């Protein structure tokens, strides 16, 4: 018996239903819980034989769920948004962050053999918020540790791992925390990777996202004159910075298409020969085709600005005691070139 809490549209339910051992089905999903009516409706359309509960677990009576007991698995993909580093320095919603604290009462009633919790890596840093609802660095992980102990006291052993979807054949790099609580005597086992970044040692190489993209299909132009004709807003300076960074990273020797992210932490440019970073519900990725950029003469007229790039027609910034600047020469035509200075480090990557 399997109960899917925070079930969303049904990704976890679909996965466990497909799971088989020696051709035999392993689980029977008996109930699904979610507070979003539209997501739950989607789940119900695909899984009609499952009991569906449109409810907030803070207010929900746990005794509404079918009792599990032996051979039961309770899965909880607890809200991750307010734990994720993707929030940056923004305030967090304190109510969403404490939802895991509701699980012990459900576990006490349902008495499952296993409890599996999925979340972002930053869940391990779960701790207090300050008066502005921002995480207190000195208290990182205190609430997470307290939460683990609250479930261990109910008679469970515990272990966790950070798993990357790309290591199991997915076309996306998606690292997630998976915590497993098990009754004494029951094993805690995590799946062995089938892929790795470079392959070898019996593992396949990570799958290229290129296989899933239609690289011949062109979207809207990034150049101001063409965008204005379509009534589109000009590309932001930060996006131009990312395009520049990608060209410098992937296109020094040949014209190689690549992806940029409009927002998010970490890499701003991504290789088509690797799995894609996390795909969000908002538009996040753009495909860059360098030869088209070159035909448009990728110059300051189009870019408008470039952080850490300085004209040689103006005084230079402070000269440090270590190498910090380099002269860049861009050949535009055979008889025309442009030159500017750029920093090796500091601020945006160029």
C-alpha atoms as a PDB file:
ATOM      1  CA  UNK A   1       0.000   0.000   0.000  1.00  0.00           C
ATOM      2  CA  UNK A   2       1.352   3.387  -1.004  1.00  0.00           C
ATOM      3  CA  UNK A   3       0.103   6.860  -0.044  1.00  0.00           C
ATOM      4  CA  UNK A   4       1.391   9.815  -2.065  1.00  0.00           C
ATOM      5  CA  UNK A   5       1.306  13.044  -0.017  1.00  0.00           C
ATOM      6  CA  UNK A   6       1.951  16.347  -1.832  1.00  0.00           C
ATOM      7  CA  UNK A   7       1.151  14.287  -4.930  1.00  0.00           C
ATOM      8  CA  UNK A   8       0.960  17.163  -7.425  1.00  0.00           C
ATOM      9  CA  UNK A   9      -0.024  16.019 -10.906  1.00  0.00           C
ATOM     10  CA  UNK A  10       1.127  12.457 -10.208  1.00  0.00           C
ATOM     11  CA  UNK A  11       4.779  12.017 -11.185  1.00  0.00           C
ATOM     12  CA  UNK A  12       5.650   9.903  -8.146  1.00  0.00           C
ATOM     13  CA  UNK A  13       2.447   7.858  -8.414  1.00  0.00           C
ATOM     14  CA  UNK A  14       3.158   7.146 -12.076  1.00  0.00           C
ATOM     15  CA  UNK A  15       6.712   6.098 -11.265  1.00  0.00           C
ATOM     16  CA  UNK A  16       5.867   3.650  -8.489  1.00  0.00           C
ATOM     17  CA  UNK A  17       3.018   2.124 -10.489  1.00  0.00           C
ATOM     18  CA  UNK A  18       5.468   1.394 -13.316  1.00  0.00           C
ATOM     19  CA  UNK A  19       8.019  -0.121 -10.912  1.00  0.00           C
ATOM     20  CA  UNK A  20       8.265  -3.907 -11.250  1.00  0.00           C
ATOM     21  CA  UNK A  21      10.475  -6.706  -9.967  1.00  0.00           C
ATOM     22  CA  UNK A  22      10.785  -9.816 -12.138  1.00  0.00           C
ATOM     23  CA  UNK A  23       7.711  -8.617 -14.012  1.00  0.00           C
ATOM     24  CA  UNK A  24       5.636  -8.278 -10.851  1.00  0.00           C
ATOM     25  CA  UNK A  25       3.963  -5.041  -9.761  1.00  0.00           C
ATOM     26  CA  UNK A  26       5.359  -3.813  -6.435  1.00  0.00           C
ATOM     27  CA  UNK A  27       2.915  -1.286  -5.001  1.00  0.00           C
ATOM     28  CA  UNK A  28      -0.751  -0.404  -4.902  1.00  0.00           C
ATOM     29  CA  UNK A  29      -1.332   3.359  -4.641  1.00  0.00           C
ATOM     30  CA  UNK A  30      -4.355   3.698  -2.337  1.00  0.00           C
ATOM     31  CA  UNK A  31      -4.491   7.464  -1.670  1.00  0.00           C
ATOM     32  CA  UNK A  32      -3.153  10.819  -2.874  1.00  0.00           C
ATOM     33  CA  UNK A  33      -3.203  14.164  -1.049  1.00  0.00           C
ATOM     34  CA  UNK A  34      -2.686  17.682  -2.421  1.00  0.00           C
ATOM     35  CA  UNK A  35      -3.888  21.205  -1.631  1.00  0.00           C
ATOM     36  CA  UNK A  36      -4.054  22.331  -5.296  1.00  0.00           C
ATOM     37  CA  UNK A  37      -7.437  21.373  -6.846  1.00  0.00           C
ATOM     38  CA  UNK A  38      -6.185  21.602 -10.446  1.00  0.00           C
ATOM     39  CA  UNK A  39      -3.154  19.392  -9.782  1.00  0.00           C
ATOM     40  CA  UNK A  40      -5.335  16.883  -7.945  1.00  0.00           C
ATOM     41  CA  UNK A  41      -7.848  16.852 -10.808  1.00  0.00           C
ATOM     42  CA  UNK A  42      -5.018  15.980 -13.202  1.00  0.00           C
ATOM     43  CA  UNK A  43      -3.915  13.200 -10.858  1.00  0.00           C
ATOM     44  CA  UNK A  44      -7.464  11.870 -10.633  1.00  0.00           C
ATOM     45  CA  UNK A  45      -7.913  11.835 -14.432  1.00  0.00           C
ATOM     46  CA  UNK A  46      -4.909   9.511 -14.708  1.00  0.00           C
ATOM     47  CA  UNK A  47      -5.483   7.401 -11.588  1.00  0.00           C
ATOM     48  CA  UNK A  48      -9.212   6.871 -11.120  1.00  0.00           C
ATOM     49  CA  UNK A  49      -8.927   4.003  -8.613  1.00  0.00           C
ATOM     50  CA  UNK A  50      -6.974   6.091  -6.086  1.00  0.00           C
ATOM     51  CA  UNK A  51      -8.684   7.908  -3.185  1.00  0.00           C
ATOM     52  CA  UNK A  52      -8.065  11.645  -3.660  1.00  0.00           C
ATOM     53  CA  UNK A  53      -7.982  14.229  -0.862  1.00  0.00           C
ATOM     54  CA  UNK A  54      -8.073  17.933  -1.726  1.00  0.00           C
ATOM     55  CA  UNK A  55      -6.749  19.150   1.592  1.00  0.00           C
ATOM     56  CA  UNK A  56      -4.107  21.126   3.484  1.00  0.00           C
ATOM     57  CA  UNK A  57      -2.201  18.647   5.650  1.00  0.00           C
ATOM     58  CA  UNK A  58      -2.002  21.209   8.477  1.00  0.00           C
ATOM     59  CA  UNK A  59      -5.809  21.075   8.774  1.00  0.00           C
ATOM     60  CA  UNK A  60      -6.396  17.532   7.513  1.00  0.00           C
ATOM     61  CA  UNK A  61      -7.560  14.787   9.871  1.00  0.00           C
ATOM     62  CA  UNK A  62      -5.057  11.963   9.423  1.00  0.00           C
ATOM     63  CA  UNK A  63      -7.775   9.400  10.236  1.00  0.00           C
ATOM     64  CA  UNK A  64      -9.424  10.127   6.884  1.00  0.00           C
ATOM     65  CA  UNK A  65      -6.626   8.191   5.181  1.00  0.00           C
ATOM     66  CA  UNK A  66      -6.868   4.391   4.830  1.00  0.00           C
ATOM     67  CA  UNK A  67      -4.886   2.655   7.605  1.00  0.00           C
ATOM     68  CA  UNK A  68      -1.691   1.061   6.277  1.00  0.00           C
ATOM     69  CA  UNK A  69       0.196  -0.917   8.909  1.00  0.00           C
ATOM     70  CA  UNK A  70       2.464  -3.693   7.610  1.00  0.00           C
ATOM     71  CA  UNK A  71       3.722  -3.373   4.009  1.00  0.00           C
ATOM     72  CA  UNK A  72       2.791   0.302   3.889  1.00  0.00           C
ATOM     73  CA  UNK A  73       4.827   3.112   2.312  1.00  0.00           C
ATOM     74  CA  UNK A  74       4.127   6.787   3.047  1.00  0.00           C
ATOM     75  CA  UNK A  75       5.739   9.119   0.495  1.00  0.00           C
ATOM     76  CA  UNK A  76       5.936  12.886   1.074  1.00  0.00           C
ATOM     77  CA  UNK A  77       7.374  15.314  -1.475  1.00  0.00           C
ATOM     78  CA  UNK A  78       7.101  18.169   0.997  1.00  0.00           C
ATOM     79  CA  UNK A  79       6.968  21.739  -0.373  1.00  0.00           C
ATOM     80  CA  UNK A  80      10.548  22.630  -1.382  1.00  0.00           C
ATOM     81  CA  UNK A  81      10.220  26.199  -2.671  1.00  0.00           C
ATOM     82  CA  UNK A  82      10.852  27.848   0.686  1.00  0.00           C
ATOM     83  CA  UNK A  83      13.968  25.729   1.319  1.00  0.00           C
ATOM     84  CA  UNK A  84      15.567  26.101  -2.112  1.00  0.00           C
ATOM     85  CA  UNK A  85      18.619  28.285  -2.737  1.00  0.00           C
ATOM     86  CA  UNK A  86      16.791  29.411  -5.891  1.00  0.00           C
ATOM     87  CA  UNK A  87      14.916  31.840  -3.617  1.00  0.00           C
ATOM     88  CA  UNK A  88      18.196  33.700  -3.220  1.00  0.00           C
ATOM     89  CA  UNK A  89      18.018  36.338  -0.502  1.00  0.00           C
ATOM     90  CA  UNK A  90      14.241  36.707  -0.656  1.00  0.00           C
ATOM     91  CA  UNK A  91      12.120  36.210   2.494  1.00  0.00           C
ATOM     92  CA  UNK A  92      10.745  32.685   3.050  1.00  0.00           C
ATOM     93  CA  UNK A  93       7.195  31.656   3.869  1.00  0.00           C
ATOM     94  CA  UNK A  94       7.455  30.330   7.452  1.00  0.00           C
ATOM     95  CA  UNK A  95       4.213  28.318   7.160  1.00  0.00           C
ATOM     96  CA  UNK A  96       5.452  26.313   4.156  1.00  0.00           C
ATOM     97  CA  UNK A  97       8.809  25.625   5.799  1.00  0.00           C
ATOM     98  CA  UNK A  98       7.248  23.853   8.806  1.00  0.00           C
ATOM     99  CA  UNK A  99       5.017  21.448   6.836  1.00  0.00           C
ATOM    100  CA  UNK A 100       7.378  18.474   7.488  1.00  0.00           C
ATOM    101  CA  UNK A 101       6.486  18.807  11.188  1.00  0.00           C
ATOM    102  CA  UNK A 102       2.995  17.531  10.349  1.00  0.00           C
ATOM    103  CA  UNK A 103       4.297  14.134   9.232  1.00  0.00           C
ATOM    104  CA  UNK A 104       4.793  12.521  12.693  1.00  0.00           C
ATOM    105  CA  UNK A 105       1.061  12.509  13.461  1.00  0.00           C
ATOM    106  CA  UNK A 106       0.275  10.896  10.099  1.00  0.00           C
ATOM    107  CA  UNK A 107       3.045   8.338  10.692  1.00  0.00           C
ATOM    108  CA  UNK A 108       1.752   7.577  14.191  1.00  0.00           C
ATOM    109  CA  UNK A 109      -1.723   6.779  12.840  1.00  0.00           C
ATOM    110  CA  UNK A 110      -0.782   5.037   9.580  1.00  0.00           C
ATOM    111  CA  UNK A 111       2.131   3.058  11.078  1.00  0.00           C
ATOM    112  CA  UNK A 112       3.798   2.386   7.678  1.00  0.00           C
ATOM    113  CA  UNK A 113       6.886   0.203   7.303  1.00  0.00           C
ATOM    114  CA  UNK A 114       8.588   2.934   5.285  1.00  0.00           C
ATOM    115  CA  UNK A 115       8.426   6.721   5.130  1.00  0.00           C
ATOM    116  CA  UNK A 116      10.170   8.350   2.161  1.00  0.00           C
ATOM    117  CA  UNK A 117      10.655  12.120   1.966  1.00  0.00           C
ATOM    118  CA  UNK A 118      11.893  13.987  -1.129  1.00  0.00           C
ATOM    119  CA  UNK A 119      13.085  17.586  -1.212  1.00  0.00           C
ATOM    120  CA  UNK A 120      15.843  19.929  -2.429  1.00  0.00           C
ATOM    121  CA  UNK A 121      19.416  19.614  -1.108  1.00  0.00           C
ATOM    122  CA  UNK A 122      18.924  22.737   1.002  1.00  0.00           C
ATOM    123  CA  UNK A 123      16.384  20.864   3.137  1.00  0.00           C
ATOM    124  CA  UNK A 124      19.433  19.683   5.110  1.00  0.00           C
ATOM    125  CA  UNK A 125      19.982  23.338   6.137  1.00  0.00           C
ATOM    126  CA  UNK A 126      16.433  23.803   7.476  1.00  0.00           C
ATOM    127  CA  UNK A 127      16.609  26.078  10.513  1.00  0.00           C
ATOM    128  CA  UNK A 128      15.264  29.246  12.086  1.00  0.00           C
ATOM    129  CA  UNK A 129      14.232  32.398  10.237  1.00  0.00           C
ATOM    130  CA  UNK A 130      15.079  35.890  11.434  1.00  0.00           C
ATOM    131  CA  UNK A 131      12.574  38.722  11.919  1.00  0.00           C
ATOM    132  CA  UNK A 132      12.645  39.361   8.153  1.00  0.00           C
ATOM    133  CA  UNK A 133      11.897  35.681   7.410  1.00  0.00           C
ATOM    134  CA  UNK A 134      15.374  34.984   6.071  1.00  0.00           C
ATOM    135  CA  UNK A 135      17.379  31.890   7.148  1.00  0.00           C
ATOM    136  CA  UNK A 136      19.682  32.354  10.136  1.00  0.00           C
ATOM    137  CA  UNK A 137      23.089  31.083   8.974  1.00  0.00           C
ATOM    138  CA  UNK A 138      24.265  30.174  12.474  1.00  0.00           C
ATOM    139  CA  UNK A 139      21.199  27.943  12.930  1.00  0.00           C
ATOM    140  CA  UNK A 140      21.454  25.971   9.663  1.00  0.00           C
ATOM    141  CA  UNK A 141      20.246  22.399   9.975  1.00  0.00           C
ATOM    142  CA  UNK A 142      18.923  22.623  13.558  1.00  0.00           C
ATOM    143  CA  UNK A 143      15.269  22.118  12.633  1.00  0.00           C
ATOM    144  CA  UNK A 144      16.161  19.394  10.134  1.00  0.00           C
ATOM    145  CA  UNK A 145      18.013  17.419  12.830  1.00  0.00           C
ATOM    146  CA  UNK A 146      15.168  17.909  15.286  1.00  0.00           C
ATOM    147  CA  UNK A 147      12.669  16.723  12.668  1.00  0.00           C
ATOM    148  CA  UNK A 148      14.687  13.546  11.958  1.00  0.00           C
ATOM    149  CA  UNK A 149      14.785  12.722  15.671  1.00  0.00           C
ATOM    150  CA  UNK A 150      11.017  13.245  15.986  1.00  0.00           C
ATOM    151  CA  UNK A 151      10.412  10.437  13.463  1.00  0.00           C
ATOM    152  CA  UNK A 152      13.204   8.188  14.761  1.00  0.00           C
ATOM    153  CA  UNK A 153      11.488   8.315  18.179  1.00  0.00           C
ATOM    154  CA  UNK A 154       8.433   6.699  16.559  1.00  0.00           C
ATOM    155  CA  UNK A 155      10.511   3.570  16.002  1.00  0.00           C
ATOM    156  CA  UNK A 156      12.320   4.116  12.696  1.00  0.00           C
ATOM    157  CA  UNK A 157      15.869   3.881  11.429  1.00  0.00           C
ATOM    158  CA  UNK A 158      17.000   6.606   9.031  1.00  0.00           C
ATOM    159  CA  UNK A 159      19.364   7.314   6.172  1.00  0.00           C
ATOM    160  CA  UNK A 160      19.453   9.739   3.238  1.00  0.00           C
ATOM    161  CA  UNK A 161      21.264  10.428  -0.021  1.00  0.00           C
ATOM    162  CA  UNK A 162      21.456  13.243  -2.561  1.00  0.00           C
ATOM    163  CA  UNK A 163      20.603  11.677  -5.928  1.00  0.00           C
ATOM    164  CA  UNK A 164      20.961  13.236  -9.382  1.00  0.00           C
ATOM    165  CA  UNK A 165      18.374  12.274 -12.009  1.00  0.00           C
ATOM    166  CA  UNK A 166      21.085  12.396 -14.714  1.00  0.00           C
ATOM    167  CA  UNK A 167      22.871   9.504 -12.967  1.00  0.00           C
ATOM    168  CA  UNK A 168      19.844   7.334 -13.722  1.00  0.00           C
ATOM    169  CA  UNK A 169      19.421   8.116 -17.406  1.00  0.00           C
ATOM    170  CA  UNK A 170      17.334  11.308 -17.293  1.00  0.00           C
ATOM    171  CA  UNK A 171      18.100  14.192 -19.673  1.00  0.00           C
ATOM    172  CA  UNK A 172      18.254  16.656 -16.790  1.00  0.00           C
ATOM    173  CA  UNK A 173      20.630  17.406 -13.928  1.00  0.00           C
ATOM    174  CA  UNK A 174      18.250  17.406 -10.991  1.00  0.00           C
ATOM    175  CA  UNK A 175      19.780  16.790  -7.581  1.00  0.00           C
ATOM    176  CA  UNK A 176      17.351  15.977  -4.791  1.00  0.00           C
ATOM    177  CA  UNK A 177      17.428  14.846  -1.180  1.00  0.00           C
ATOM    178  CA  UNK A 178      15.811  11.450  -0.531  1.00  0.00           C
ATOM    179  CA  UNK A 179      15.344  10.484   3.112  1.00  0.00           C
ATOM    180  CA  UNK A 180      14.183   6.976   4.057  1.00  0.00           C
ATOM    181  CA  UNK A 181      12.786   5.968   7.451  1.00  0.00           C
ATOM    182  CA  UNK A 182      12.356   2.212   7.953  1.00  0.00           C
ATOM    183  CA  UNK A 183      11.024  -0.021  10.719  1.00  0.00           C
ATOM    184  CA  UNK A 184      13.763  -2.007  12.547  1.00  0.00           C
ATOM    185  CA  UNK A 185      14.894  -5.051  10.600  1.00  0.00           C
ATOM    186  CA  UNK A 186      13.909  -3.628   7.219  1.00  0.00           C
ATOM    187  CA  UNK A 187      16.669  -2.630   4.773  1.00  0.00           C
ATOM    188  CA  UNK A 188      17.302   0.923   3.592  1.00  0.00           C
ATOM    189  CA  UNK A 189      18.527   0.728   0.005  1.00  0.00           C
ATOM    190  CA  UNK A 190      19.215   3.441  -2.573  1.00  0.00           C
ATOM    191  CA  UNK A 191      19.404   2.738  -6.325  1.00  0.00           C
ATOM    192  CA  UNK A 192      22.823   2.317  -7.903  1.00  0.00           C
ATOM    193  CA  UNK A 193      23.688   4.870 -10.633  1.00  0.00           C
ATOM    194  CA  UNK A 194      23.565   3.702 -14.237  1.00  0.00           C
ATOM    195  CA  UNK A 195      25.216   6.810 -15.741  1.00  0.00           C
ATOM    196  CA  UNK A 196      27.964   9.305 -14.879  1.00  0.00           C
ATOM    197  CA  UNK A 197      29.292  12.559 -16.345  1.00  0.00           C
ATOM    198  CA  UNK A 198      32.167  10.910 -18.204  1.00  0.00           C
ATOM    199  CA  UNK A 199      30.994   7.274 -18.291  1.00  0.00           C
ATOM    200  CA  UNK A 200      33.316   4.343 -17.699  1.00  0.00           C
ATOM    201  CA  UNK A 201      33.641   1.797 -14.872  1.00  0.00           C
ATOM    202  CA  UNK A 202      30.534   0.059 -16.094  1.00  0.00           C
ATOM    203  CA  UNK A 203      28.484   3.282 -16.257  1.00  0.00           C
ATOM    204  CA  UNK A 204      27.077   4.956 -19.352  1.00  0.00           C
ATOM    205  CA  UNK A 205      27.834   8.621 -20.106  1.00  0.00           C
ATOM    206  CA  UNK A 206      25.187  11.171 -19.128  1.00  0.00           C
ATOM    207  CA  UNK A 207      22.606  11.597 -21.868  1.00  0.00           C
ATOM    208  CA  UNK A 208      22.915  14.650 -24.143  1.00  0.00           C
ATOM    209  CA  UNK A 209      19.951  17.016 -23.989  1.00  0.00           C
ATOM    210  CA  UNK A 210      20.664  17.587 -27.702  1.00  0.00           C
ATOM    211  CA  UNK A 211      18.753  14.338 -28.390  1.00  0.00           C
ATOM    212  CA  UNK A 212      15.531  15.907 -27.117  1.00  0.00           C
ATOM    213  CA  UNK A 213      15.770  19.321 -28.802  1.00  0.00           C
ATOM    214  CA  UNK A 214      14.671  20.419 -32.268  1.00  0.00           C
ATOM    215  CA  UNK A 215      17.752  22.501 -33.059  1.00  0.00           C
ATOM    216  CA  UNK A 216      16.451  23.583 -36.458  1.00  0.00           C
ATOM    217  CA  UNK A 217      13.425  25.324 -35.000  1.00  0.00           C
ATOM    218  CA  UNK A 218      14.107  29.019 -34.477  1.00  0.00           C
ATOM    219  CA  UNK A 219      12.458  31.105 -31.802  1.00  0.00           C
ATOM    220  CA  UNK A 220      12.262  34.881 -31.548  1.00  0.00           C
ATOM    221  CA  UNK A 221      15.333  36.912 -32.421  1.00  0.00           C
ATOM    222  CA  UNK A 222      17.418  38.380 -29.606  1.00  0.00           C
ATOM    223  CA  UNK A 223      18.326  41.457 -31.667  1.00  0.00           C
ATOM    224  CA  UNK A 224      16.476  44.706 -30.840  1.00  0.00           C
ATOM    225  CA  UNK A 225      15.429  45.687 -34.373  1.00  0.00           C
ATOM    226  CA  UNK A 226      13.870  42.297 -35.164  1.00  0.00           C
ATOM    227  CA  UNK A 227      12.227  41.996 -31.753  1.00  0.00           C
ATOM    228  CA  UNK A 228      10.603  45.412 -32.021  1.00  0.00           C
ATOM    229  CA  UNK A 229       8.973  44.369 -35.305  1.00  0.00           C
ATOM    230  CA  UNK A 230       7.327  41.474 -33.444  1.00  0.00           C
ATOM    231  CA  UNK A 231       6.286  43.687 -30.556  1.00  0.00           C
ATOM    232  CA  UNK A 232       8.679  41.913 -28.190  1.00  0.00           C
ATOM    233  CA  UNK A 233      10.549  43.585 -25.339  1.00  0.00           C
ATOM    234  CA  UNK A 234      14.300  44.122 -25.816  1.00  0.00           C
ATOM    235  CA  UNK A 235      16.529  41.508 -24.218  1.00  0.00           C
ATOM    236  CA  UNK A 236      17.814  42.584 -20.810  1.00  0.00           C
ATOM    237  CA  UNK A 237      21.510  43.475 -20.346  1.00  0.00           C
ATOM    238  CA  UNK A 238      21.936  40.429 -18.072  1.00  0.00           C
ATOM    239  CA  UNK A 239      20.766  38.152 -20.887  1.00  0.00           C
ATOM    240  CA  UNK A 240      23.299  39.735 -23.237  1.00  0.00           C
ATOM    241  CA  UNK A 241      25.958  39.056 -20.607  1.00  0.00           C
ATOM    242  CA  UNK A 242      24.974  35.382 -20.599  1.00  0.00           C
ATOM    243  CA  UNK A 243      25.080  35.194 -24.401  1.00  0.00           C
ATOM    244  CA  UNK A 244      28.565  36.708 -24.381  1.00  0.00           C
ATOM    245  CA  UNK A 245      29.738  34.324 -21.695  1.00  0.00           C
ATOM    246  CA  UNK A 246      28.404  31.333 -23.663  1.00  0.00           C
ATOM    247  CA  UNK A 247      30.104  32.442 -26.873  1.00  0.00           C
ATOM    248  CA  UNK A 248      33.381  32.768 -25.021  1.00  0.00           C
ATOM    249  CA  UNK A 249      32.934  29.341 -23.446  1.00  0.00           C
ATOM    250  CA  UNK A 250      31.703  27.283 -26.404  1.00  0.00           C
ATOM    251  CA  UNK A 251      32.531  29.121 -29.624  1.00  0.00           C
ATOM    252  CA  UNK A 252      36.221  30.004 -29.660  1.00  0.00           C
ATOM    253  CA  UNK A 253      37.160  27.226 -32.102  1.00  0.00           C
ATOM    254  CA  UNK A 254      33.872  26.601 -33.927  1.00  0.00           C
ATOM    255  CA  UNK A 255      30.261  27.693 -34.015  1.00  0.00           C
ATOM    256  CA  UNK A 256      28.586  25.505 -31.395  1.00  0.00           C
ATOM    257  CA  UNK A 257      24.965  25.959 -30.382  1.00  0.00           C
ATOM    258  CA  UNK A 258      24.399  26.253 -26.654  1.00  0.00           C
ATOM    259  CA  UNK A 259      21.714  27.125 -24.123  1.00  0.00           C
ATOM    260  CA  UNK A 260      21.512  30.069 -21.753  1.00  0.00           C
ATOM    261  CA  UNK A 261      19.352  30.499 -18.655  1.00  0.00           C
ATOM    262  CA  UNK A 262      17.282  33.650 -18.238  1.00  0.00           C
ATOM    263  CA  UNK A 263      17.510  33.333 -14.456  1.00  0.00           C
ATOM    264  CA  UNK A 264      18.739  31.054 -11.673  1.00  0.00           C
ATOM    265  CA  UNK A 265      21.937  30.287  -9.809  1.00  0.00           C
ATOM    266  CA  UNK A 266      25.035  28.529 -11.089  1.00  0.00           C
ATOM    267  CA  UNK A 267      25.970  28.198 -14.763  1.00  0.00           C
ATOM    268  CA  UNK A 268      24.476  30.753 -17.129  1.00  0.00           C
ATOM    269  CA  UNK A 269      25.409  28.798 -20.266  1.00  0.00           C
ATOM    270  CA  UNK A 270      24.851  25.080 -20.805  1.00  0.00           C
ATOM    271  CA  UNK A 271      26.350  22.505 -23.154  1.00  0.00           C
ATOM    272  CA  UNK A 272      24.036  20.528 -25.438  1.00  0.00           C
ATOM    273  CA  UNK A 273      26.260  17.497 -24.855  1.00  0.00           C
ATOM    274  CA  UNK A 274      25.140  17.292 -21.203  1.00  0.00           C
ATOM    275  CA  UNK A 275      21.818  16.847 -19.374  1.00  0.00           C
ATOM    276  CA  UNK A 276      19.760  20.013 -18.988  1.00  0.00           C
ATOM    277  CA  UNK A 277      19.508  21.855 -15.686  1.00  0.00           C
ATOM    278  CA  UNK A 278      16.196  21.839 -13.800  1.00  0.00           C
ATOM    279  CA  UNK A 279      13.215  22.661 -16.024  1.00  0.00           C
ATOM    280  CA  UNK A 280      10.784  25.077 -14.361  1.00  0.00           C
ATOM    281  CA  UNK A 281       7.177  26.030 -15.127  1.00  0.00           C
ATOM    282  CA  UNK A 282       8.362  29.441 -16.378  1.00  0.00           C
ATOM    283  CA  UNK A 283      10.326  29.938 -19.604  1.00  0.00           C
ATOM    284  CA  UNK A 284      13.938  29.604 -18.549  1.00  0.00           C
ATOM    285  CA  UNK A 285      16.135  28.440 -21.429  1.00  0.00           C
ATOM    286  CA  UNK A 286      17.080  29.956 -24.778  1.00  0.00           C
ATOM    287  CA  UNK A 287      18.931  28.256 -27.648  1.00  0.00           C
ATOM    288  CA  UNK A 288      21.781  30.373 -29.037  1.00  0.00           C
ATOM    289  CA  UNK A 289      22.995  29.831 -32.624  1.00  0.00           C
ATOM    290  CA  UNK A 290      26.396  31.611 -32.909  1.00  0.00           C
ATOM    291  CA  UNK A 291      26.617  31.852 -36.703  1.00  0.00           C
ATOM    292  CA  UNK A 292      23.446  33.949 -36.730  1.00  0.00           C
ATOM    293  CA  UNK A 293      24.871  36.114 -33.980  1.00  0.00           C
ATOM    294  CA  UNK A 294      28.034  36.652 -36.013  1.00  0.00           C
ATOM    295  CA  UNK A 295      26.084  37.603 -39.123  1.00  0.00           C
ATOM    296  CA  UNK A 296      24.458  40.303 -37.035  1.00  0.00           C
ATOM    297  CA  UNK A 297      27.904  41.548 -35.988  1.00  0.00           C
ATOM    298  CA  UNK A 298      27.866  40.950 -32.297  1.00  0.00           C
ATOM    299  CA  UNK A 299      29.030  44.416 -31.297  1.00  0.00           C
ATOM    300  CA  UNK A 300      28.422  46.936 -28.556  1.00  0.00           C
ATOM    301  CA  UNK A 301      25.685  48.459 -30.732  1.00  0.00           C
ATOM    302  CA  UNK A 302      23.626  45.327 -30.108  1.00  0.00           C
ATOM    303  CA  UNK A 303      24.855  44.510 -26.624  1.00  0.00           C
ATOM    304  CA  UNK A 304      24.463  48.036 -25.255  1.00  0.00           C
ATOM    305  CA  UNK A 305      26.626  47.295 -22.221  1.00  0.00           C
ATOM    306  CA  UNK A 306      29.047  44.739 -20.846  1.00  0.00           C
ATOM    307  CA  UNK A 307      29.916  44.421 -17.185  1.00  0.00           C
ATOM    308  CA  UNK A 308      33.682  44.198 -16.564  1.00  0.00           C
ATOM    309  CA  UNK A 309      34.457  45.389 -20.107  1.00  0.00           C
ATOM    310  CA  UNK A 310      36.069  48.818 -20.475  1.00  0.00           C
ATOM    311  CA  UNK A 311      36.671  50.999 -23.521  1.00  0.00           C
ATOM    312  CA  UNK A 312      40.316  51.760 -24.328  1.00  0.00           C
ATOM    313  CA  UNK A 313      39.173  55.293 -25.203  1.00  0.00           C
ATOM    314  CA  UNK A 314      38.676  56.040 -21.478  1.00  0.00           C
ATOM    315  CA  UNK A 315      40.871  55.934 -18.368  1.00  0.00           C
ATOM    316  CA  UNK A 316      41.406  52.447 -16.979  1.00  0.00           C
ATOM    317  CA  UNK A 317      40.161  51.352 -13.585  1.00  0.00           C
ATOM    318  CA  UNK A 318      42.460  50.695 -10.641  1.00  0.00           C
ATOM    319  CA  UNK A 319      45.570  48.665 -11.513  1.00  0.00           C
ATOM    320  CA  UNK A 320      46.209  45.957  -8.929  1.00  0.00           C
ATOM    321  CA  UNK A 321      49.449  44.207  -7.957  1.00  0.00           C
ATOM    322  CA  UNK A 322      48.251  41.025  -9.696  1.00  0.00           C
ATOM    323  CA  UNK A 323      47.260  40.393 -13.318  1.00  0.00           C
ATOM    324  CA  UNK A 324      43.636  41.458 -13.584  1.00  0.00           C
ATOM    325  CA  UNK A 325      42.953  42.771 -17.085  1.00  0.00           C
ATOM    326  CA  UNK A 326      43.411  41.595 -20.632  1.00  0.00           C
ATOM    327  CA  UNK A 327      43.058  43.256 -24.047  1.00  0.00           C
ATOM    328  CA  UNK A 328      40.348  41.740 -26.279  1.00  0.00           C
ATOM    329  CA  UNK A 329      40.468  42.189 -30.053  1.00  0.00           C
ATOM    330  CA  UNK A 330      37.289  41.383 -31.990  1.00  0.00           C
ATOM    331  CA  UNK A 331      37.593  41.143 -35.797  1.00  0.00           C
ATOM    332  CA  UNK A 332      34.387  42.503 -37.342  1.00  0.00           C
ATOM    333  CA  UNK A 333      35.449  42.785 -41.017  1.00  0.00           C
ATOM    334  CA  UNK A 334      38.778  42.160 -42.700  1.00  0.00           C
ATOM    335  CA  UNK A 335      39.652  45.833 -42.441  1.00  0.00           C
ATOM    336  CA  UNK A 336      37.859  46.630 -39.222  1.00  0.00           C
ATOM    337  CA  UNK A 337      38.314  45.534 -35.639  1.00  0.00           C
ATOM    338  CA  UNK A 338      37.236  46.558 -32.145  1.00  0.00           C
ATOM    339  CA  UNK A 339      39.269  46.344 -28.960  1.00  0.00           C
ATOM    340  CA  UNK A 340      38.379  46.582 -25.287  1.00  0.00           C
ATOM    341  CA  UNK A 341      39.652  45.533 -21.874  1.00  0.00           C
ATOM    342  CA  UNK A 342      38.066  42.902 -19.670  1.00  0.00           C
ATOM    343  CA  UNK A 343      38.741  41.673 -16.140  1.00  0.00           C
ATOM    344  CA  UNK A 344      39.704  38.098 -15.376  1.00  0.00           C
ATOM    345  CA  UNK A 345      37.516  38.071 -12.276  1.00  0.00           C
ATOM    346  CA  UNK A 346      34.993  40.080 -10.277  1.00  0.00           C
ATOM    347  CA  UNK A 347      31.284  40.605 -10.931  1.00  0.00           C
ATOM    348  CA  UNK A 348      29.866  38.877 -14.016  1.00  0.00           C
ATOM    349  CA  UNK A 349      31.851  36.186 -15.789  1.00  0.00           C
ATOM    350  CA  UNK A 350      33.492  37.390 -19.043  1.00  0.00           C
END
